[in-house]
Amino acid sequence: KQWYQRRVRGCISSVYFFYDPDYSALTFGTLSALFEIQLTQQMHEKKPDVKWYYMGYYIHTCPKMRYKSQFRPSFLLCPHKHTWWPVEHCQPQLDQSKFVVFDTEAPEEPAPTEEQFGSLKVLFNQQLCLYSMYKVISQEDCYEDILPDFVKLTGLENAQNICIYN
């Protein structure tokens, strides 16, 4: 029952709260969340840019995380369109399937251009380089088939902030 949290730009992020099944009836996760919400409100009074409380990952099939969905307002990120959705909208879909695209209305992101693919970062021979350079110096392109799916799943902005390594 130890608790760690950190401040991220604009929010308080709950990082760890250790779970012990012997004490599950005491709902320490809920207690921790209430303390952290209070902390967020107090910090907002002193630093108005602190507006959000992030409870960390939510795994719908994990019973020890279900308490997180009881707080309102609460939102989940659509893994495909990267838009936020009220948890009450998402729960029925998550009851049916482990992977759900919540935002079926938003238009698809356009396919990345060759230039955008070229700006992705690749680790090659223990050196960080752009994918465009990797294609020139590499004997075989082991990323060509996976990059479109990688960008589609993560979104172009996220993909450009991740170093790809195979």
N, C-alpha and C. Protein backbone atom coordinates (compact mmCIF):
# COMPACT_ATOMS: atom_id res chain seq x y z
N LYS A 1 0.82 -1.20 0.00
CA LYS A 1 0.00 0.00 0.00
C LYS A 1 0.86 1.26 0.00
N GLN A 2 1.68 1.32 -0.98
CA GLN A 2 2.53 2.48 -1.15
C GLN A 2 2.04 3.26 -2.36
N TRP A 3 2.22 4.56 -2.36
CA TRP A 3 1.61 5.41 -3.38
C TRP A 3 2.64 6.35 -3.95
N TYR A 4 2.70 6.42 -5.26
CA TYR A 4 3.58 7.34 -5.95
C TYR A 4 2.76 8.11 -6.97
N GLN A 5 3.03 9.39 -7.11
CA GLN A 5 2.38 10.18 -8.14
C GLN A 5 3.40 11.16 -8.67
N ARG A 6 3.10 11.72 -9.84
CA ARG A 6 4.00 12.70 -10.40
C ARG A 6 3.18 13.78 -11.11
N ARG A 7 3.81 14.92 -11.29
CA ARG A 7 3.16 16.02 -11.98
C ARG A 7 3.64 16.04 -13.42
N VAL A 8 2.72 16.00 -14.33
CA VAL A 8 2.99 16.09 -15.75
C VAL A 8 2.35 17.39 -16.20
N ARG A 9 2.82 17.96 -17.31
CA ARG A 9 2.30 19.25 -17.76
C ARG A 9 0.77 19.25 -17.74
N GLY A 10 0.20 20.10 -16.89
CA GLY A 10 -1.24 20.30 -16.84
C GLY A 10 -2.03 19.28 -16.06
N CYS A 11 -1.34 18.28 -15.48
CA CYS A 11 -2.12 17.28 -14.74
C CYS A 11 -1.28 16.62 -13.65
N ILE A 12 -1.99 15.96 -12.76
CA ILE A 12 -1.37 15.07 -11.78
C ILE A 12 -1.57 13.66 -12.31
N SER A 13 -0.50 12.91 -12.39
CA SER A 13 -0.57 11.56 -12.93
C SER A 13 -0.31 10.55 -11.83
N SER A 14 -1.26 9.66 -11.64
CA SER A 14 -1.10 8.59 -10.67
C SER A 14 -0.20 7.54 -11.30
N VAL A 15 0.93 7.28 -10.67
CA VAL A 15 1.91 6.39 -11.28
C VAL A 15 1.79 4.98 -10.70
N TYR A 16 1.88 4.82 -9.41
CA TYR A 16 1.81 3.49 -8.80
C TYR A 16 0.97 3.54 -7.54
N PHE A 17 0.19 2.52 -7.35
CA PHE A 17 -0.42 2.24 -6.06
C PHE A 17 -0.42 0.73 -5.95
N PHE A 18 0.34 0.19 -5.03
CA PHE A 18 0.50 -1.25 -4.93
C PHE A 18 -0.77 -1.90 -4.41
N TYR A 19 -1.14 -3.00 -5.03
CA TYR A 19 -2.38 -3.70 -4.74
C TYR A 19 -2.09 -4.96 -3.93
N ASP A 20 -2.81 -5.15 -2.84
CA ASP A 20 -2.69 -6.36 -2.05
C ASP A 20 -4.09 -6.95 -1.90
N PRO A 21 -4.35 -8.12 -2.49
CA PRO A 21 -5.69 -8.71 -2.44
C PRO A 21 -6.22 -8.93 -1.02
N ASP A 22 -5.31 -9.09 -0.05
CA ASP A 22 -5.76 -9.28 1.34
C ASP A 22 -6.49 -8.06 1.88
N TYR A 23 -6.23 -6.89 1.27
CA TYR A 23 -6.86 -5.66 1.74
C TYR A 23 -7.81 -5.06 0.71
N SER A 24 -8.27 -5.85 -0.24
CA SER A 24 -9.10 -5.32 -1.32
C SER A 24 -10.40 -4.70 -0.82
N ALA A 25 -10.94 -5.20 0.28
CA ALA A 25 -12.19 -4.65 0.82
C ALA A 25 -12.03 -3.20 1.28
N LEU A 26 -10.81 -2.78 1.54
CA LEU A 26 -10.56 -1.41 2.00
C LEU A 26 -10.48 -0.42 0.83
N THR A 27 -10.51 -0.92 -0.39
CA THR A 27 -10.50 -0.11 -1.62
C THR A 27 -9.46 1.02 -1.58
N PHE A 28 -8.21 0.63 -1.40
CA PHE A 28 -7.13 1.62 -1.34
C PHE A 28 -7.00 2.39 -2.66
N GLY A 29 -7.32 1.75 -3.79
CA GLY A 29 -7.26 2.46 -5.07
C GLY A 29 -8.21 3.65 -5.08
N THR A 30 -9.42 3.43 -4.59
CA THR A 30 -10.40 4.52 -4.52
C THR A 30 -9.94 5.59 -3.55
N LEU A 31 -9.43 5.17 -2.41
CA LEU A 31 -8.93 6.13 -1.42
C LEU A 31 -7.78 6.96 -2.01
N SER A 32 -6.86 6.28 -2.69
CA SER A 32 -5.75 6.98 -3.33
C SER A 32 -6.27 8.00 -4.35
N ALA A 33 -7.24 7.60 -5.16
CA ALA A 33 -7.80 8.50 -6.18
C ALA A 33 -8.42 9.73 -5.52
N LEU A 34 -9.13 9.54 -4.43
CA LEU A 34 -9.75 10.68 -3.74
C LEU A 34 -8.69 11.65 -3.21
N PHE A 35 -7.62 11.11 -2.63
CA PHE A 35 -6.53 11.97 -2.17
C PHE A 35 -5.89 12.71 -3.33
N GLU A 36 -5.67 12.01 -4.45
CA GLU A 36 -5.02 12.63 -5.60
C GLU A 36 -5.92 13.68 -6.27
N ILE A 37 -7.23 13.45 -6.26
CA ILE A 37 -8.16 14.45 -6.79
C ILE A 37 -8.10 15.70 -5.92
N GLN A 38 -8.07 15.50 -4.61
CA GLN A 38 -7.94 16.65 -3.69
C GLN A 38 -6.62 17.38 -3.93
N LEU A 39 -5.55 16.64 -4.11
CA LEU A 39 -4.25 17.24 -4.39
C LEU A 39 -4.30 18.05 -5.69
N THR A 40 -4.94 17.50 -6.71
CA THR A 40 -5.06 18.19 -8.00
C THR A 40 -5.82 19.50 -7.82
N GLN A 41 -6.91 19.47 -7.05
CA GLN A 41 -7.69 20.68 -6.81
C GLN A 41 -6.87 21.72 -6.05
N GLN A 42 -6.11 21.28 -5.06
CA GLN A 42 -5.27 22.21 -4.29
C GLN A 42 -4.17 22.80 -5.17
N MET A 43 -3.58 21.97 -6.02
CA MET A 43 -2.52 22.48 -6.90
C MET A 43 -3.10 23.44 -7.94
N HIS A 44 -4.32 23.18 -8.39
CA HIS A 44 -4.96 24.07 -9.37
C HIS A 44 -5.14 25.47 -8.79
N GLU A 45 -5.43 25.56 -7.48
CA GLU A 45 -5.57 26.87 -6.85
C GLU A 45 -4.27 27.66 -6.90
N LYS A 46 -3.14 26.97 -6.77
CA LYS A 46 -1.84 27.64 -6.77
C LYS A 46 -1.25 27.74 -8.18
N LYS A 47 -1.53 26.75 -9.01
CA LYS A 47 -1.01 26.72 -10.39
C LYS A 47 -2.18 26.38 -11.31
N PRO A 48 -2.84 27.39 -11.84
CA PRO A 48 -4.05 27.16 -12.65
C PRO A 48 -3.85 26.28 -13.88
N ASP A 49 -2.59 26.09 -14.33
CA ASP A 49 -2.39 25.21 -15.48
C ASP A 49 -2.61 23.74 -15.12
N VAL A 50 -2.62 23.40 -13.83
CA VAL A 50 -2.89 22.02 -13.41
C VAL A 50 -4.41 21.86 -13.38
N LYS A 51 -4.95 21.19 -14.40
CA LYS A 51 -6.40 21.08 -14.56
C LYS A 51 -6.91 19.64 -14.54
N TRP A 52 -6.01 18.68 -14.70
CA TRP A 52 -6.45 17.32 -14.92
C TRP A 52 -5.83 16.35 -13.91
N TYR A 53 -6.55 15.28 -13.68
CA TYR A 53 -6.05 14.16 -12.88
C TYR A 53 -6.08 12.93 -13.78
N TYR A 54 -4.92 12.33 -13.99
CA TYR A 54 -4.80 11.15 -14.85
C TYR A 54 -4.60 9.93 -13.96
N MET A 55 -5.52 8.99 -14.03
CA MET A 55 -5.48 7.82 -13.15
C MET A 55 -4.58 6.69 -13.66
N GLY A 56 -3.98 6.87 -14.80
CA GLY A 56 -3.13 5.82 -15.34
C GLY A 56 -3.93 4.88 -16.23
N TYR A 57 -3.29 3.80 -16.60
CA TYR A 57 -3.90 2.84 -17.51
C TYR A 57 -5.20 2.29 -16.95
N TYR A 58 -6.13 2.01 -17.86
CA TYR A 58 -7.38 1.34 -17.50
C TYR A 58 -7.48 0.09 -18.36
N ILE A 59 -7.49 -1.06 -17.73
CA ILE A 59 -7.67 -2.32 -18.43
C ILE A 59 -9.02 -2.87 -17.99
N HIS A 60 -9.97 -2.83 -18.91
CA HIS A 60 -11.36 -3.15 -18.60
C HIS A 60 -11.53 -4.57 -18.05
N THR A 61 -10.71 -5.50 -18.53
CA THR A 61 -10.85 -6.89 -18.10
C THR A 61 -10.14 -7.18 -16.77
N CYS A 62 -9.49 -6.17 -16.20
CA CYS A 62 -8.75 -6.36 -14.95
C CYS A 62 -9.62 -5.87 -13.78
N PRO A 63 -10.16 -6.77 -12.95
CA PRO A 63 -11.07 -6.38 -11.87
C PRO A 63 -10.48 -5.36 -10.90
N LYS A 64 -9.16 -5.43 -10.64
CA LYS A 64 -8.58 -4.49 -9.68
C LYS A 64 -8.48 -3.08 -10.24
N MET A 65 -8.75 -2.88 -11.53
CA MET A 65 -8.73 -1.54 -12.13
C MET A 65 -10.13 -0.98 -12.35
N ARG A 66 -11.15 -1.77 -12.12
CA ARG A 66 -12.52 -1.34 -12.41
C ARG A 66 -12.94 -0.11 -11.62
N TYR A 67 -12.36 0.11 -10.45
CA TYR A 67 -12.75 1.26 -9.64
C TYR A 67 -12.53 2.57 -10.40
N LYS A 68 -11.57 2.59 -11.33
CA LYS A 68 -11.26 3.81 -12.06
C LYS A 68 -12.44 4.30 -12.89
N SER A 69 -13.25 3.37 -13.37
CA SER A 69 -14.39 3.75 -14.23
C SER A 69 -15.55 4.33 -13.43
N GLN A 70 -15.47 4.32 -12.11
CA GLN A 70 -16.57 4.84 -11.27
C GLN A 70 -16.49 6.35 -11.08
N PHE A 71 -15.37 6.96 -11.42
CA PHE A 71 -15.20 8.40 -11.24
C PHE A 71 -15.73 9.14 -12.46
N ARG A 72 -16.37 10.28 -12.22
CA ARG A 72 -16.92 11.09 -13.31
C ARG A 72 -16.49 12.53 -13.15
N PRO A 73 -16.18 13.24 -14.20
CA PRO A 73 -16.10 12.71 -15.55
C PRO A 73 -14.83 11.87 -15.72
N SER A 74 -14.92 10.88 -16.58
CA SER A 74 -13.78 10.01 -16.85
C SER A 74 -13.81 9.68 -18.34
N PHE A 75 -12.64 9.71 -18.97
CA PHE A 75 -12.56 9.52 -20.41
C PHE A 75 -11.51 8.49 -20.77
N LEU A 76 -11.74 7.79 -21.87
CA LEU A 76 -10.78 6.85 -22.43
C LEU A 76 -10.38 7.34 -23.82
N LEU A 77 -9.15 7.07 -24.18
CA LEU A 77 -8.63 7.50 -25.47
C LEU A 77 -8.92 6.44 -26.52
N CYS A 78 -9.54 6.84 -27.63
CA CYS A 78 -9.76 5.92 -28.74
C CYS A 78 -8.38 5.53 -29.29
N PRO A 79 -8.08 4.23 -29.33
CA PRO A 79 -6.74 3.81 -29.74
C PRO A 79 -6.47 4.02 -31.22
N HIS A 80 -7.50 4.28 -31.99
CA HIS A 80 -7.30 4.44 -33.43
C HIS A 80 -7.32 5.90 -33.86
N LYS A 81 -8.29 6.66 -33.37
CA LYS A 81 -8.46 8.04 -33.81
C LYS A 81 -7.87 9.06 -32.84
N HIS A 82 -7.44 8.59 -31.67
CA HIS A 82 -6.81 9.45 -30.66
C HIS A 82 -7.73 10.58 -30.22
N THR A 83 -9.00 10.25 -30.00
CA THR A 83 -9.99 11.19 -29.48
C THR A 83 -10.49 10.65 -28.15
N TRP A 84 -10.94 11.54 -27.27
CA TRP A 84 -11.36 11.15 -25.92
C TRP A 84 -12.86 10.86 -25.87
N TRP A 85 -13.23 9.79 -25.15
CA TRP A 85 -14.63 9.36 -25.07
C TRP A 85 -15.02 9.10 -23.61
N PRO A 86 -16.25 9.49 -23.22
CA PRO A 86 -16.70 9.21 -21.85
C PRO A 86 -16.67 7.71 -21.58
N VAL A 87 -16.18 7.35 -20.42
CA VAL A 87 -16.02 5.93 -20.09
C VAL A 87 -17.37 5.20 -20.15
N GLU A 88 -18.46 5.87 -19.80
CA GLU A 88 -19.76 5.20 -19.84
C GLU A 88 -20.18 4.85 -21.27
N HIS A 89 -19.69 5.58 -22.24
CA HIS A 89 -19.94 5.26 -23.66
C HIS A 89 -19.13 4.03 -24.07
N CYS A 90 -17.94 3.88 -23.49
CA CYS A 90 -17.00 2.83 -23.90
C CYS A 90 -17.27 1.48 -23.24
N GLN A 91 -17.78 1.48 -22.02
CA GLN A 91 -17.90 0.23 -21.27
C GLN A 91 -18.70 -0.85 -21.97
N PRO A 92 -19.88 -0.56 -22.53
CA PRO A 92 -20.62 -1.64 -23.20
C PRO A 92 -19.83 -2.26 -24.35
N GLN A 93 -19.09 -1.44 -25.09
CA GLN A 93 -18.28 -1.97 -26.19
C GLN A 93 -17.12 -2.81 -25.66
N LEU A 94 -16.52 -2.37 -24.55
CA LEU A 94 -15.41 -3.13 -23.96
C LEU A 94 -15.88 -4.44 -23.34
N ASP A 95 -17.15 -4.50 -22.94
CA ASP A 95 -17.71 -5.76 -22.45
C ASP A 95 -17.76 -6.81 -23.56
N GLN A 96 -17.86 -6.35 -24.81
CA GLN A 96 -17.99 -7.25 -25.96
C GLN A 96 -16.65 -7.63 -26.59
N SER A 97 -15.66 -6.73 -26.48
CA SER A 97 -14.39 -6.96 -27.17
C SER A 97 -13.26 -6.27 -26.42
N LYS A 98 -12.07 -6.86 -26.46
CA LYS A 98 -10.91 -6.27 -25.77
C LYS A 98 -10.37 -5.05 -26.50
N PHE A 99 -10.46 -5.03 -27.83
CA PHE A 99 -9.97 -3.90 -28.61
C PHE A 99 -11.15 -3.24 -29.30
N VAL A 100 -11.35 -1.96 -29.02
CA VAL A 100 -12.51 -1.25 -29.55
C VAL A 100 -12.07 0.11 -30.09
N VAL A 101 -12.57 0.48 -31.24
CA VAL A 101 -12.42 1.82 -31.78
C VAL A 101 -13.68 2.56 -31.38
N PHE A 102 -13.54 3.54 -30.48
CA PHE A 102 -14.71 4.27 -29.98
C PHE A 102 -15.21 5.29 -30.99
N ASP A 103 -14.29 5.90 -31.70
CA ASP A 103 -14.63 6.99 -32.61
C ASP A 103 -14.80 6.44 -34.02
N THR A 104 -16.02 6.09 -34.38
CA THR A 104 -16.29 5.56 -35.71
C THR A 104 -16.74 6.66 -36.67
N GLU A 105 -16.92 7.88 -36.15
CA GLU A 105 -17.41 8.99 -36.96
C GLU A 105 -16.31 9.86 -37.54
N ALA A 106 -15.19 9.97 -36.85
CA ALA A 106 -14.13 10.87 -37.29
C ALA A 106 -13.54 10.37 -38.60
N PRO A 107 -13.17 11.28 -39.48
CA PRO A 107 -12.58 10.85 -40.76
C PRO A 107 -11.22 10.18 -40.53
N GLU A 108 -10.89 9.28 -41.41
CA GLU A 108 -9.59 8.62 -41.35
C GLU A 108 -8.49 9.66 -41.56
N GLU A 109 -7.38 9.46 -40.88
CA GLU A 109 -6.22 10.31 -41.15
C GLU A 109 -5.73 9.98 -42.55
N PRO A 110 -5.30 10.98 -43.29
CA PRO A 110 -4.77 10.67 -44.62
C PRO A 110 -3.50 9.82 -44.50
N ALA A 111 -3.28 9.01 -45.50
CA ALA A 111 -2.07 8.17 -45.51
C ALA A 111 -0.84 9.08 -45.48
N PRO A 112 0.16 8.71 -44.70
CA PRO A 112 1.37 9.54 -44.64
C PRO A 112 2.06 9.61 -46.00
N THR A 113 2.68 10.73 -46.25
CA THR A 113 3.45 10.92 -47.48
C THR A 113 4.80 10.22 -47.33
N GLU A 114 5.48 10.06 -48.44
CA GLU A 114 6.83 9.49 -48.42
C GLU A 114 7.75 10.32 -47.53
N GLU A 115 7.57 11.64 -47.60
CA GLU A 115 8.39 12.54 -46.77
C GLU A 115 8.10 12.32 -45.28
N GLN A 116 6.84 12.12 -44.92
CA GLN A 116 6.50 11.88 -43.52
C GLN A 116 7.05 10.54 -43.05
N PHE A 117 6.94 9.50 -43.89
CA PHE A 117 7.56 8.22 -43.53
C PHE A 117 9.06 8.41 -43.34
N GLY A 118 9.68 9.18 -44.22
CA GLY A 118 11.12 9.42 -44.16
C GLY A 118 11.57 10.11 -42.89
N SER A 119 10.65 10.84 -42.23
CA SER A 119 11.03 11.57 -41.01
C SER A 119 10.95 10.71 -39.75
N LEU A 120 10.49 9.46 -39.88
CA LEU A 120 10.44 8.57 -38.71
C LEU A 120 11.86 8.20 -38.28
N LYS A 121 12.00 7.97 -36.99
CA LYS A 121 13.33 7.67 -36.43
C LYS A 121 13.53 6.16 -36.33
N VAL A 122 14.72 5.71 -36.74
CA VAL A 122 15.07 4.29 -36.74
C VAL A 122 16.41 4.13 -36.04
N LEU A 123 16.52 3.07 -35.24
CA LEU A 123 17.81 2.72 -34.63
C LEU A 123 18.47 1.69 -35.54
N PHE A 124 19.61 2.05 -36.11
CA PHE A 124 20.31 1.19 -37.05
C PHE A 124 21.78 1.14 -36.67
N ASN A 125 22.31 -0.05 -36.44
CA ASN A 125 23.71 -0.22 -36.02
C ASN A 125 24.03 0.67 -34.82
N GLN A 126 23.14 0.69 -33.85
CA GLN A 126 23.28 1.45 -32.62
C GLN A 126 23.36 2.95 -32.85
N GLN A 127 22.84 3.42 -33.98
CA GLN A 127 22.81 4.85 -34.30
C GLN A 127 21.38 5.25 -34.64
N LEU A 128 20.99 6.40 -34.17
CA LEU A 128 19.67 6.93 -34.50
C LEU A 128 19.74 7.63 -35.85
N CYS A 129 18.84 7.27 -36.75
CA CYS A 129 18.82 7.94 -38.06
C CYS A 129 17.38 8.04 -38.54
N LEU A 130 17.18 8.85 -39.54
CA LEU A 130 15.85 8.97 -40.14
C LEU A 130 15.61 7.78 -41.05
N TYR A 131 14.35 7.39 -41.17
CA TYR A 131 14.00 6.26 -42.02
C TYR A 131 14.45 6.49 -43.46
N SER A 132 14.36 7.73 -43.95
CA SER A 132 14.80 8.04 -45.32
C SER A 132 16.29 7.71 -45.50
N MET A 133 17.10 8.00 -44.49
CA MET A 133 18.53 7.69 -44.55
C MET A 133 18.76 6.18 -44.39
N TYR A 134 18.00 5.57 -43.50
CA TYR A 134 18.10 4.12 -43.28
C TYR A 134 17.88 3.37 -44.60
N LYS A 135 16.90 3.79 -45.39
CA LYS A 135 16.61 3.13 -46.66
C LYS A 135 17.79 3.22 -47.63
N VAL A 136 18.55 4.28 -47.54
CA VAL A 136 19.70 4.46 -48.44
C VAL A 136 20.88 3.58 -48.00
N ILE A 137 21.12 3.48 -46.68
CA ILE A 137 22.32 2.79 -46.20
C ILE A 137 22.09 1.32 -45.84
N SER A 138 20.83 0.91 -45.69
CA SER A 138 20.54 -0.46 -45.27
C SER A 138 20.55 -1.42 -46.46
N GLN A 139 21.00 -2.64 -46.21
CA GLN A 139 20.99 -3.67 -47.27
C GLN A 139 19.57 -4.16 -47.54
N GLU A 140 18.78 -4.26 -46.50
CA GLU A 140 17.39 -4.68 -46.67
C GLU A 140 16.50 -3.84 -45.77
N ASP A 141 15.32 -3.51 -46.27
CA ASP A 141 14.39 -2.66 -45.53
C ASP A 141 13.42 -3.55 -44.76
N CYS A 142 13.71 -3.78 -43.48
CA CYS A 142 12.86 -4.66 -42.68
C CYS A 142 11.64 -3.93 -42.11
N TYR A 143 11.52 -2.65 -42.40
CA TYR A 143 10.40 -1.87 -41.86
C TYR A 143 9.32 -1.55 -42.89
N GLU A 144 9.62 -1.72 -44.15
CA GLU A 144 8.73 -1.27 -45.22
C GLU A 144 7.30 -1.82 -45.05
N ASP A 145 7.16 -3.08 -44.67
CA ASP A 145 5.84 -3.70 -44.56
C ASP A 145 5.11 -3.32 -43.27
N ILE A 146 5.86 -2.97 -42.22
CA ILE A 146 5.20 -2.70 -40.94
C ILE A 146 4.94 -1.21 -40.68
N LEU A 147 5.68 -0.34 -41.35
CA LEU A 147 5.53 1.10 -41.06
C LEU A 147 4.11 1.63 -41.28
N PRO A 148 3.42 1.29 -42.37
CA PRO A 148 2.06 1.82 -42.54
C PRO A 148 1.14 1.44 -41.39
N ASP A 149 1.19 0.19 -40.94
CA ASP A 149 0.35 -0.23 -39.80
C ASP A 149 0.78 0.45 -38.51
N PHE A 150 2.10 0.57 -38.32
CA PHE A 150 2.62 1.25 -37.13
C PHE A 150 2.09 2.67 -37.05
N VAL A 151 2.17 3.41 -38.15
CA VAL A 151 1.69 4.80 -38.17
C VAL A 151 0.17 4.85 -38.00
N LYS A 152 -0.53 3.92 -38.60
CA LYS A 152 -1.99 3.89 -38.48
C LYS A 152 -2.42 3.63 -37.04
N LEU A 153 -1.72 2.73 -36.36
CA LEU A 153 -2.08 2.39 -34.98
C LEU A 153 -1.69 3.48 -33.98
N THR A 154 -0.55 4.11 -34.19
CA THR A 154 -0.06 5.08 -33.21
C THR A 154 -0.43 6.51 -33.56
N GLY A 155 -0.76 6.76 -34.83
CA GLY A 155 -0.96 8.13 -35.29
C GLY A 155 0.38 8.70 -35.70
N LEU A 156 0.38 9.54 -36.73
CA LEU A 156 1.64 10.06 -37.27
C LEU A 156 2.43 10.85 -36.23
N GLU A 157 1.74 11.71 -35.46
CA GLU A 157 2.44 12.53 -34.48
C GLU A 157 3.16 11.67 -33.44
N ASN A 158 2.49 10.62 -32.96
CA ASN A 158 3.14 9.72 -32.00
C ASN A 158 4.28 8.95 -32.66
N ALA A 159 4.05 8.47 -33.87
CA ALA A 159 5.08 7.69 -34.58
C ALA A 159 6.35 8.51 -34.77
N GLN A 160 6.20 9.81 -34.98
CA GLN A 160 7.37 10.67 -35.18
C GLN A 160 8.14 10.91 -33.88
N ASN A 161 7.57 10.53 -32.75
CA ASN A 161 8.25 10.71 -31.46
C ASN A 161 8.77 9.40 -30.88
N ILE A 162 8.70 8.35 -31.67
CA ILE A 162 9.14 7.02 -31.22
C ILE A 162 10.29 6.57 -32.10
N CYS A 163 11.27 5.94 -31.49
CA CYS A 163 12.38 5.37 -32.25
C CYS A 163 12.04 3.91 -32.54
N ILE A 164 12.08 3.53 -33.82
CA ILE A 164 11.74 2.18 -34.24
C ILE A 164 13.01 1.33 -34.24
N TYR A 165 12.89 0.13 -33.71
CA TYR A 165 14.04 -0.78 -33.66
C TYR A 165 13.56 -2.18 -33.92
N ASN A 166 14.25 -2.88 -34.77
CA ASN A 166 13.88 -4.27 -35.06
C ASN A 166 15.10 -5.14 -34.84
